[in-house]
Amino acid sequence: MAESVEDVLARRVRLLFLDARAAIDSAAKVANIMAKELNKDEQWERDQTAKFLDIAKHYLLVDYAPQVA
């Protein structure tokens, strides 16, 4: 079972490797869904999103800010 946003977006669906910007844009929503499914609190959700964004920025050639829908 996936335990982190990184696990889902990098390893399970490989989105981080295919389209880092799309992965960055998806991180908060994925964290929200995972928090509900894993019975985690909002702090966990924020921490997971921040950790993933920190990792994902290394997969970009230029700075990019998440596009929140």
PDB file of N, CA and C in Angstrom:
ATOM      1  N   MET A   1       0.839  -1.180   0.000  1.00  0.00           N
ATOM      2  CA  MET A   1       0.000   0.000   0.000  1.00  0.00           C
ATOM      3  C   MET A   1       0.887   1.247   0.000  1.00  0.00           C
ATOM      4  N   ALA A   2       0.508   2.192  -0.803  1.00  0.00           N
ATOM      5  CA  ALA A   2       1.248   3.459  -0.868  1.00  0.00           C
ATOM      6  C   ALA A   2       1.073   4.224   0.441  1.00  0.00           C
ATOM      7  N   GLU A   3       2.174   4.771   0.951  1.00  0.00           N
ATOM      8  CA  GLU A   3       2.149   5.483   2.223  1.00  0.00           C
ATOM      9  C   GLU A   3       2.501   6.961   2.102  1.00  0.00           C
ATOM     10  N   SER A   4       2.899   7.404   0.907  1.00  0.00           N
ATOM     11  CA  SER A   4       3.288   8.804   0.742  1.00  0.00           C
ATOM     12  C   SER A   4       2.881   9.304  -0.641  1.00  0.00           C
ATOM     13  N   VAL A   5       2.795  10.613  -0.757  1.00  0.00           N
ATOM     14  CA  VAL A   5       2.484  11.227  -2.049  1.00  0.00           C
ATOM     15  C   VAL A   5       3.596  10.909  -3.047  1.00  0.00           C
ATOM     16  N   GLU A   6       4.825  10.943  -2.588  1.00  0.00           N
ATOM     17  CA  GLU A   6       5.946  10.591  -3.468  1.00  0.00           C
ATOM     18  C   GLU A   6       5.790   9.174  -4.003  1.00  0.00           C
ATOM     19  N   ASP A   7       5.424   8.251  -3.150  1.00  0.00           N
ATOM     20  CA  ASP A   7       5.248   6.865  -3.569  1.00  0.00           C
ATOM     21  C   ASP A   7       4.208   6.770  -4.682  1.00  0.00           C
ATOM     22  N   VAL A   8       3.097   7.461  -4.523  1.00  0.00           N
ATOM     23  CA  VAL A   8       2.036   7.412  -5.534  1.00  0.00           C
ATOM     24  C   VAL A   8       2.483   8.075  -6.834  1.00  0.00           C
ATOM     25  N   LEU A   9       2.952   9.318  -6.748  1.00  0.00           N
ATOM     26  CA  LEU A   9       3.227  10.089  -7.967  1.00  0.00           C
ATOM     27  C   LEU A   9       4.538   9.710  -8.655  1.00  0.00           C
ATOM     28  N   ALA A  10       5.487   9.166  -7.919  1.00  0.00           N
ATOM     29  CA  ALA A  10       6.753   8.783  -8.543  1.00  0.00           C
ATOM     30  C   ALA A  10       6.780   7.298  -8.894  1.00  0.00           C
ATOM     31  N   ARG A  11       6.412   6.449  -7.968  1.00  0.00           N
ATOM     32  CA  ARG A  11       6.588   5.016  -8.170  1.00  0.00           C
ATOM     33  C   ARG A  11       5.363   4.300  -8.723  1.00  0.00           C
ATOM     34  N   ARG A  12       4.200   4.631  -8.224  1.00  0.00           N
ATOM     35  CA  ARG A  12       2.989   3.888  -8.629  1.00  0.00           C
ATOM     36  C   ARG A  12       2.500   4.302 -10.011  1.00  0.00           C
ATOM     37  N   VAL A  13       2.365   5.605 -10.238  1.00  0.00           N
ATOM     38  CA  VAL A  13       1.876   6.056 -11.548  1.00  0.00           C
ATOM     39  C   VAL A  13       2.968   6.704 -12.390  1.00  0.00           C
ATOM     40  N   ARG A  14       4.147   6.901 -11.812  1.00  0.00           N
ATOM     41  CA  ARG A  14       5.339   7.410 -12.487  1.00  0.00           C
ATOM     42  C   ARG A  14       5.158   8.802 -13.103  1.00  0.00           C
ATOM     43  N   LEU A  15       4.176   9.541 -12.625  1.00  0.00           N
ATOM     44  CA  LEU A  15       3.898  10.864 -13.174  1.00  0.00           C
ATOM     45  C   LEU A  15       5.065  11.821 -12.973  1.00  0.00           C
ATOM     46  N   LEU A  16       5.753  11.730 -11.849  1.00  0.00           N
ATOM     47  CA  LEU A  16       6.882  12.625 -11.598  1.00  0.00           C
ATOM     48  C   LEU A  16       7.923  12.509 -12.697  1.00  0.00           C
ATOM     49  N   PHE A  17       8.158  11.305 -13.191  1.00  0.00           N
ATOM     50  CA  PHE A  17       9.171  11.084 -14.219  1.00  0.00           C
ATOM     51  C   PHE A  17       8.666  11.445 -15.612  1.00  0.00           C
ATOM     52  N   LEU A  18       7.369  11.335 -15.822  1.00  0.00           N
ATOM     53  CA  LEU A  18       6.792  11.620 -17.134  1.00  0.00           C
ATOM     54  C   LEU A  18       6.478  13.096 -17.337  1.00  0.00           C
ATOM     55  N   ASP A  19       5.978  13.750 -16.298  1.00  0.00           N
ATOM     56  CA  ASP A  19       5.600  15.163 -16.393  1.00  0.00           C
ATOM     57  C   ASP A  19       5.656  15.780 -14.996  1.00  0.00           C
ATOM     58  N   ALA A  20       6.804  16.293 -14.635  1.00  0.00           N
ATOM     59  CA  ALA A  20       7.011  16.828 -13.283  1.00  0.00           C
ATOM     60  C   ALA A  20       6.038  17.955 -12.965  1.00  0.00           C
ATOM     61  N   ARG A  21       5.730  18.791 -13.938  1.00  0.00           N
ATOM     62  CA  ARG A  21       4.787  19.889 -13.681  1.00  0.00           C
ATOM     63  C   ARG A  21       3.398  19.364 -13.353  1.00  0.00           C
ATOM     64  N   ALA A  22       2.950  18.370 -14.084  1.00  0.00           N
ATOM     65  CA  ALA A  22       1.640  17.777 -13.794  1.00  0.00           C
ATOM     66  C   ALA A  22       1.644  17.115 -12.419  1.00  0.00           C
ATOM     67  N   ALA A  23       2.748  16.489 -12.062  1.00  0.00           N
ATOM     68  CA  ALA A  23       2.861  15.869 -10.739  1.00  0.00           C
ATOM     69  C   ALA A  23       2.790  16.928  -9.644  1.00  0.00           C
ATOM     70  N   ILE A  24       3.469  18.033  -9.854  1.00  0.00           N
ATOM     71  CA  ILE A  24       3.437  19.137  -8.887  1.00  0.00           C
ATOM     72  C   ILE A  24       2.013  19.673  -8.747  1.00  0.00           C
ATOM     73  N   ASP A  25       1.337  19.843  -9.871  1.00  0.00           N
ATOM     74  CA  ASP A  25      -0.039  20.340  -9.837  1.00  0.00           C
ATOM     75  C   ASP A  25      -0.990  19.356  -9.145  1.00  0.00           C
ATOM     76  N   SER A  26      -0.671  18.073  -9.183  1.00  0.00           N
ATOM     77  CA  SER A  26      -1.529  17.033  -8.612  1.00  0.00           C
ATOM     78  C   SER A  26      -1.254  16.740  -7.145  1.00  0.00           C
ATOM     79  N   ALA A  27      -0.132  17.165  -6.641  1.00  0.00           N
ATOM     80  CA  ALA A  27       0.329  16.757  -5.310  1.00  0.00           C
ATOM     81  C   ALA A  27      -0.677  17.039  -4.196  1.00  0.00           C
ATOM     82  N   ALA A  28      -1.227  18.230  -4.153  1.00  0.00           N
ATOM     83  CA  ALA A  28      -2.158  18.582  -3.070  1.00  0.00           C
ATOM     84  C   ALA A  28      -3.427  17.734  -3.128  1.00  0.00           C
ATOM     85  N   LYS A  29      -3.945  17.505  -4.313  1.00  0.00           N
ATOM     86  CA  LYS A  29      -5.160  16.695  -4.460  1.00  0.00           C
ATOM     87  C   LYS A  29      -4.884  15.249  -4.069  1.00  0.00           C
ATOM     88  N   VAL A  30      -3.743  14.721  -4.484  1.00  0.00           N
ATOM     89  CA  VAL A  30      -3.374  13.351  -4.119  1.00  0.00           C
ATOM     90  C   VAL A  30      -3.222  13.241  -2.605  1.00  0.00           C
ATOM     91  N   ALA A  31      -2.576  14.220  -1.993  1.00  0.00           N
ATOM     92  CA  ALA A  31      -2.415  14.221  -0.534  1.00  0.00           C
ATOM     93  C   ALA A  31      -3.775  14.246   0.160  1.00  0.00           C
ATOM     94  N   ASN A  32      -4.698  15.021  -0.373  1.00  0.00           N
ATOM     95  CA  ASN A  32      -6.044  15.101   0.202  1.00  0.00           C
ATOM     96  C   ASN A  32      -6.761  13.755   0.131  1.00  0.00           C
ATOM     97  N   ILE A  33      -6.702  13.122  -1.013  1.00  0.00           N
ATOM     98  CA  ILE A  33      -7.348  11.813  -1.183  1.00  0.00           C
ATOM     99  C   ILE A  33      -6.702  10.779  -0.271  1.00  0.00           C
ATOM    100  N   MET A  34      -5.365  10.778  -0.235  1.00  0.00           N
ATOM    101  CA  MET A  34      -4.657   9.819   0.614  1.00  0.00           C
ATOM    102  C   MET A  34      -4.975  10.037   2.089  1.00  0.00           C
ATOM    103  N   ALA A  35      -5.056  11.287   2.507  1.00  0.00           N
ATOM    104  CA  ALA A  35      -5.363  11.586   3.909  1.00  0.00           C
ATOM    105  C   ALA A  35      -6.718  11.003   4.297  1.00  0.00           C
ATOM    106  N   LYS A  36      -7.684  11.136   3.413  1.00  0.00           N
ATOM    107  CA  LYS A  36      -9.009  10.576   3.689  1.00  0.00           C
ATOM    108  C   LYS A  36      -8.957   9.051   3.758  1.00  0.00           C
ATOM    109  N   GLU A  37      -8.272   8.435   2.804  1.00  0.00           N
ATOM    110  CA  GLU A  37      -8.205   6.975   2.742  1.00  0.00           C
ATOM    111  C   GLU A  37      -7.392   6.371   3.883  1.00  0.00           C
ATOM    112  N   LEU A  38      -6.350   7.079   4.323  1.00  0.00           N
ATOM    113  CA  LEU A  38      -5.459   6.558   5.363  1.00  0.00           C
ATOM    114  C   LEU A  38      -5.785   7.102   6.756  1.00  0.00           C
ATOM    115  N   ASN A  39      -6.871   7.862   6.848  1.00  0.00           N
ATOM    116  CA  ASN A  39      -7.284   8.471   8.130  1.00  0.00           C
ATOM    117  C   ASN A  39      -6.184   9.329   8.743  1.00  0.00           C
ATOM    118  N   LYS A  40      -5.607  10.196   7.916  1.00  0.00           N
ATOM    119  CA  LYS A  40      -4.561  11.117   8.375  1.00  0.00           C
ATOM    120  C   LYS A  40      -5.162  12.505   8.550  1.00  0.00           C
ATOM    121  N   ASP A  41      -4.481  13.342   9.316  1.00  0.00           N
ATOM    122  CA  ASP A  41      -4.989  14.689   9.568  1.00  0.00           C
ATOM    123  C   ASP A  41      -4.469  15.693   8.536  1.00  0.00           C
ATOM    124  N   GLU A  42      -4.942  16.929   8.665  1.00  0.00           N
ATOM    125  CA  GLU A  42      -4.558  17.978   7.713  1.00  0.00           C
ATOM    126  C   GLU A  42      -3.074  18.296   7.779  1.00  0.00           C
ATOM    127  N   GLN A  43      -2.462  18.154   8.939  1.00  0.00           N
ATOM    128  CA  GLN A  43      -1.020  18.395   9.061  1.00  0.00           C
ATOM    129  C   GLN A  43      -0.241  17.383   8.226  1.00  0.00           C
ATOM    130  N   TRP A  44      -0.648  16.143   8.250  1.00  0.00           N
ATOM    131  CA  TRP A  44      -0.012  15.105   7.433  1.00  0.00           C
ATOM    132  C   TRP A  44      -0.133  15.474   5.955  1.00  0.00           C
ATOM    133  N   GLU A  45      -1.319  15.916   5.580  1.00  0.00           N
ATOM    134  CA  GLU A  45      -1.594  16.315   4.199  1.00  0.00           C
ATOM    135  C   GLU A  45      -0.658  17.450   3.770  1.00  0.00           C
ATOM    136  N   ARG A  46      -0.521  18.472   4.600  1.00  0.00           N
ATOM    137  CA  ARG A  46       0.374  19.598   4.286  1.00  0.00           C
ATOM    138  C   ARG A  46       1.832  19.144   4.230  1.00  0.00           C
ATOM    139  N   ASP A  47       2.227  18.303   5.177  1.00  0.00           N
ATOM    140  CA  ASP A  47       3.610  17.810   5.208  1.00  0.00           C
ATOM    141  C   ASP A  47       3.939  16.989   3.967  1.00  0.00           C
ATOM    142  N   GLN A  48       3.023  16.118   3.586  1.00  0.00           N
ATOM    143  CA  GLN A  48       3.247  15.285   2.404  1.00  0.00           C
ATOM    144  C   GLN A  48       3.353  16.136   1.140  1.00  0.00           C
ATOM    145  N   THR A  49       2.496  17.129   1.027  1.00  0.00           N
ATOM    146  CA  THR A  49       2.546  18.014  -0.140  1.00  0.00           C
ATOM    147  C   THR A  49       3.863  18.766  -0.175  1.00  0.00           C
ATOM    148  N   ALA A  50       4.282  19.311   0.944  1.00  0.00           N
ATOM    149  CA  ALA A  50       5.542  20.066   1.007  1.00  0.00           C
ATOM    150  C   ALA A  50       6.742  19.179   0.699  1.00  0.00           C
ATOM    151  N   LYS A  51       6.760  17.980   1.257  1.00  0.00           N
ATOM    152  CA  LYS A  51       7.870  17.056   0.994  1.00  0.00           C
ATOM    153  C   LYS A  51       7.942  16.703  -0.484  1.00  0.00           C
ATOM    154  N   PHE A  52       6.776  16.439  -1.071  1.00  0.00           N
ATOM    155  CA  PHE A  52       6.772  16.085  -2.487  1.00  0.00           C
ATOM    156  C   PHE A  52       7.237  17.252  -3.350  1.00  0.00           C
ATOM    157  N   LEU A  53       6.764  18.454  -3.069  1.00  0.00           N
ATOM    158  CA  LEU A  53       7.173  19.616  -3.858  1.00  0.00           C
ATOM    159  C   LEU A  53       8.674  19.845  -3.754  1.00  0.00           C
ATOM    160  N   ASP A  54       9.245  19.603  -2.591  1.00  0.00           N
ATOM    161  CA  ASP A  54      10.687  19.745  -2.412  1.00  0.00           C
ATOM    162  C   ASP A  54      11.446  18.739  -3.273  1.00  0.00           C
ATOM    163  N   ILE A  55      10.950  17.525  -3.354  1.00  0.00           N
ATOM    164  CA  ILE A  55      11.579  16.496  -4.187  1.00  0.00           C
ATOM    165  C   ILE A  55      11.374  16.805  -5.661  1.00  0.00           C
ATOM    166  N   ALA A  56      10.155  17.164  -6.025  1.00  0.00           N
ATOM    167  CA  ALA A  56       9.801  17.355  -7.431  1.00  0.00           C
ATOM    168  C   ALA A  56      10.552  18.503  -8.089  1.00  0.00           C
ATOM    169  N   LYS A  57      10.904  19.522  -7.328  1.00  0.00           N
ATOM    170  CA  LYS A  57      11.594  20.668  -7.933  1.00  0.00           C
ATOM    171  C   LYS A  57      12.928  20.268  -8.559  1.00  0.00           C
ATOM    172  N   HIS A  58      13.486  19.161  -8.132  1.00  0.00           N
ATOM    173  CA  HIS A  58      14.752  18.695  -8.695  1.00  0.00           C
ATOM    174  C   HIS A  58      14.570  18.031 -10.062  1.00  0.00           C
ATOM    175  N   TYR A  59      13.346  17.832 -10.476  1.00  0.00           N
ATOM    176  CA  TYR A  59      13.050  17.229 -11.767  1.00  0.00           C
ATOM    177  C   TYR A  59      12.696  18.276 -12.827  1.00  0.00           C
ATOM    178  N   LEU A  60      12.836  19.544 -12.476  1.00  0.00           N
ATOM    179  CA  LEU A  60      12.515  20.642 -13.384  1.00  0.00           C
ATOM    180  C   LEU A  60      13.770  21.382 -13.805  1.00  0.00           C
ATOM    181  N   LEU A  61      13.755  21.909 -15.008  1.00  0.00           N
ATOM    182  CA  LEU A  61      14.871  22.723 -15.480  1.00  0.00           C
ATOM    183  C   LEU A  61      14.722  24.175 -15.063  1.00  0.00           C
ATOM    184  N   VAL A  62      13.480  24.621 -14.879  1.00  0.00           N
ATOM    185  CA  VAL A  62      13.206  25.994 -14.447  1.00  0.00           C
ATOM    186  C   VAL A  62      12.229  25.950 -13.277  1.00  0.00           C
ATOM    187  N   ASP A  63      12.205  27.015 -12.474  1.00  0.00           N
ATOM    188  CA  ASP A  63      11.276  27.079 -11.346  1.00  0.00           C
ATOM    189  C   ASP A  63       9.835  27.020 -11.840  1.00  0.00           C
ATOM    190  N   TYR A  64       8.984  26.412 -11.032  1.00  0.00           N
ATOM    191  CA  TYR A  64       7.578  26.264 -11.387  1.00  0.00           C
ATOM    192  C   TYR A  64       6.747  26.264 -10.112  1.00  0.00           C
ATOM    193  N   ALA A  65       5.694  27.034 -10.100  1.00  0.00           N
ATOM    194  CA  ALA A  65       4.786  27.081  -8.948  1.00  0.00           C
ATOM    195  C   ALA A  65       3.559  26.228  -9.259  1.00  0.00           C
ATOM    196  N   PRO A  66       3.047  25.501  -8.292  1.00  0.00           N
ATOM    197  CA  PRO A  66       1.863  24.667  -8.522  1.00  0.00           C
ATOM    198  C   PRO A  66       0.674  25.491  -9.004  1.00  0.00           C
ATOM    199  N   GLN A  67      -0.080  24.927  -9.929  1.00  0.00           N
ATOM    200  CA  GLN A  67      -1.305  25.543 -10.423  1.00  0.00           C
ATOM    201  C   GLN A  67      -2.462  24.909  -9.667  1.00  0.00           C
ATOM    202  N   VAL A  68      -3.073  25.656  -8.769  1.00  0.00           N
ATOM    203  CA  VAL A  68      -4.157  25.128  -7.949  1.00  0.00           C
ATOM    204  C   VAL A  68      -5.480  25.385  -8.643  1.00  0.00           C
ATOM    205  N   ALA A  69      -6.273  24.317  -8.756  1.00  0.00           N
ATOM    206  CA  ALA A  69      -7.576  24.444  -9.429  1.00  0.00           C
ATOM    207  C   ALA A  69      -8.656  24.811  -8.456  1.00  0.00           C
TER     208      ALA A  69
END
